[in-house]
Amino acid sequence: MNYEETVTIPNETGLHARPASQVVKTAGAYQSKIRLIKGSQEADAKSLLGVMSLSAGRGDELIIRAEGDDATEAVKALCQLIETQEMK
């Protein structure tokens, strides 16, 4: 199964080290292949270096795309993490 959603980063500091590590930790809890897409850049959501390489800042839109049996759950969990500003 494939699933994707678009999310806007509300966090003032964007996906710096700490929030990026939270994204990687959350993504790692799922079996699906999960990609983060910002414009023409794409990164493995389970790779800290990959997530940080997107240099995603406040107001940037990310497409979260997953492929696998738990794709929907994975994307929704990552969207909730990012949208609710649980990333500090």
C-alpha atoms as a PDB file:
ATOM      1  CA  MET A   1       0.000   0.000   0.000  1.00  0.00           C
ATOM      2  CA  ASN A   2       1.158   3.535  -0.784  1.00  0.00           C
ATOM      3  CA  TYR A   3       0.065   6.625   1.121  1.00  0.00           C
ATOM      4  CA  GLU A   4       1.182  10.251   1.265  1.00  0.00           C
ATOM      5  CA  GLU A   5       0.226  13.545   2.868  1.00  0.00           C
ATOM      6  CA  THR A   6       1.599  17.068   2.756  1.00  0.00           C
ATOM      7  CA  VAL A   7       2.474  18.865   5.975  1.00  0.00           C
ATOM      8  CA  THR A   8       3.721  22.398   6.704  1.00  0.00           C
ATOM      9  CA  ILE A   9       6.446  22.780   9.310  1.00  0.00           C
ATOM     10  CA  PRO A  10       5.209  25.092  12.109  1.00  0.00           C
ATOM     11  CA  ASN A  11       8.308  24.758  14.316  1.00  0.00           C
ATOM     12  CA  GLU A  12      10.245  28.055  14.434  1.00  0.00           C
ATOM     13  CA  THR A  13      13.583  26.334  14.055  1.00  0.00           C
ATOM     14  CA  GLY A  14      12.516  23.807  11.421  1.00  0.00           C
ATOM     15  CA  LEU A  15      13.928  20.303  11.297  1.00  0.00           C
ATOM     16  CA  HIS A  16      17.188  20.902  13.143  1.00  0.00           C
ATOM     17  CA  ALA A  17      18.952  18.060  14.984  1.00  0.00           C
ATOM     18  CA  ARG A  18      16.479  17.367  17.800  1.00  0.00           C
ATOM     19  CA  PRO A  19      13.240  17.404  15.768  1.00  0.00           C
ATOM     20  CA  ALA A  20      14.955  15.528  12.946  1.00  0.00           C
ATOM     21  CA  SER A  21      15.928  12.804  15.416  1.00  0.00           C
ATOM     22  CA  GLN A  22      12.304  12.602  16.592  1.00  0.00           C
ATOM     23  CA  VAL A  23      11.180  12.157  12.979  1.00  0.00           C
ATOM     24  CA  VAL A  24      13.764   9.394  12.463  1.00  0.00           C
ATOM     25  CA  LYS A  25      12.758   7.665  15.712  1.00  0.00           C
ATOM     26  CA  THR A  26       9.062   7.766  14.800  1.00  0.00           C
ATOM     27  CA  ALA A  27       9.719   6.584  11.236  1.00  0.00           C
ATOM     28  CA  GLY A  28      11.870   3.745  12.564  1.00  0.00           C
ATOM     29  CA  ALA A  29       8.897   2.312  14.424  1.00  0.00           C
ATOM     30  CA  TYR A  30       7.274   1.366  11.098  1.00  0.00           C
ATOM     31  CA  GLN A  31       8.146  -1.305   8.541  1.00  0.00           C
ATOM     32  CA  SER A  32       7.186   0.843   5.553  1.00  0.00           C
ATOM     33  CA  LYS A  33       9.704   2.631   3.362  1.00  0.00           C
ATOM     34  CA  ILE A  34       9.165   6.311   4.243  1.00  0.00           C
ATOM     35  CA  ARG A  35      10.417   9.265   2.205  1.00  0.00           C
ATOM     36  CA  LEU A  36      10.312  12.991   2.961  1.00  0.00           C
ATOM     37  CA  ILE A  37      10.118  15.243  -0.077  1.00  0.00           C
ATOM     38  CA  LYS A  38      10.819  18.985  -0.115  1.00  0.00           C
ATOM     39  CA  GLY A  39      10.689  20.435  -3.597  1.00  0.00           C
ATOM     40  CA  SER A  40      13.135  18.455  -5.712  1.00  0.00           C
ATOM     41  CA  GLN A  41      14.924  16.986  -2.674  1.00  0.00           C
ATOM     42  CA  GLU A  42      14.033  13.585  -1.265  1.00  0.00           C
ATOM     43  CA  ALA A  43      15.309  11.822   1.854  1.00  0.00           C
ATOM     44  CA  ASP A  44      14.864   8.569   3.734  1.00  0.00           C
ATOM     45  CA  ALA A  45      12.834   9.433   6.849  1.00  0.00           C
ATOM     46  CA  LYS A  46      14.777   6.795   8.794  1.00  0.00           C
ATOM     47  CA  SER A  47      18.117   8.525   8.163  1.00  0.00           C
ATOM     48  CA  LEU A  48      19.085  11.430  10.426  1.00  0.00           C
ATOM     49  CA  LEU A  49      21.576  12.756   7.902  1.00  0.00           C
ATOM     50  CA  GLY A  50      18.981  12.450   5.142  1.00  0.00           C
ATOM     51  CA  VAL A  51      16.291  14.315   7.093  1.00  0.00           C
ATOM     52  CA  MET A  52      18.696  17.077   8.101  1.00  0.00           C
ATOM     53  CA  SER A  53      19.971  17.409   4.522  1.00  0.00           C
ATOM     54  CA  LEU A  54      16.534  18.696   3.500  1.00  0.00           C
ATOM     55  CA  SER A  55      17.211  21.880   5.510  1.00  0.00           C
ATOM     56  CA  ALA A  56      13.467  22.159   6.076  1.00  0.00           C
ATOM     57  CA  GLY A  57      12.514  25.373   7.839  1.00  0.00           C
ATOM     58  CA  ARG A  58       9.405  26.945   9.272  1.00  0.00           C
ATOM     59  CA  GLY A  59       6.672  27.254   6.648  1.00  0.00           C
ATOM     60  CA  ASP A  60       8.228  24.692   4.310  1.00  0.00           C
ATOM     61  CA  GLU A  61       5.936  22.021   2.931  1.00  0.00           C
ATOM     62  CA  LEU A  62       6.998  18.400   3.117  1.00  0.00           C
ATOM     63  CA  ILE A  63       5.398  15.487   1.363  1.00  0.00           C
ATOM     64  CA  ILE A  64       5.552  12.404   3.543  1.00  0.00           C
ATOM     65  CA  ARG A  65       5.280   9.311   1.352  1.00  0.00           C
ATOM     66  CA  ALA A  66       5.266   5.727   2.575  1.00  0.00           C
ATOM     67  CA  GLU A  67       5.113   2.355   0.893  1.00  0.00           C
ATOM     68  CA  GLY A  68       4.281  -0.788   2.846  1.00  0.00           C
ATOM     69  CA  ASP A  69       1.691  -2.525   4.988  1.00  0.00           C
ATOM     70  CA  ASP A  70       1.664   0.196   7.662  1.00  0.00           C
ATOM     71  CA  ALA A  71       2.086   3.157   5.278  1.00  0.00           C
ATOM     72  CA  THR A  72      -1.065   5.001   6.342  1.00  0.00           C
ATOM     73  CA  GLU A  73      -0.265   4.725  10.041  1.00  0.00           C
ATOM     74  CA  ALA A  74       3.338   5.809   9.485  1.00  0.00           C
ATOM     75  CA  VAL A  75       2.422   8.916   7.497  1.00  0.00           C
ATOM     76  CA  LYS A  76      -0.298   9.931   9.934  1.00  0.00           C
ATOM     77  CA  ALA A  77       2.054   9.539  12.917  1.00  0.00           C
ATOM     78  CA  LEU A  78       4.721  11.700  11.274  1.00  0.00           C
ATOM     79  CA  CYS A  79       2.180  14.341  10.252  1.00  0.00           C
ATOM     80  CA  GLN A  80       0.849  14.494  13.805  1.00  0.00           C
ATOM     81  CA  LEU A  81       4.374  14.788  15.209  1.00  0.00           C
ATOM     82  CA  ILE A  82       5.205  17.685  12.902  1.00  0.00           C
ATOM     83  CA  GLU A  83       1.838  19.500  12.953  1.00  0.00           C
ATOM     84  CA  THR A  84       1.340  19.463  16.714  1.00  0.00           C
ATOM     85  CA  GLN A  85       4.734  21.052  17.276  1.00  0.00           C
ATOM     86  CA  GLU A  86       5.702  18.214  19.598  1.00  0.00           C
ATOM     87  CA  MET A  87       9.171  18.746  18.195  1.00  0.00           C
ATOM     88  CA  LYS A  88      11.180  20.960  20.529  1.00  0.00           C
END
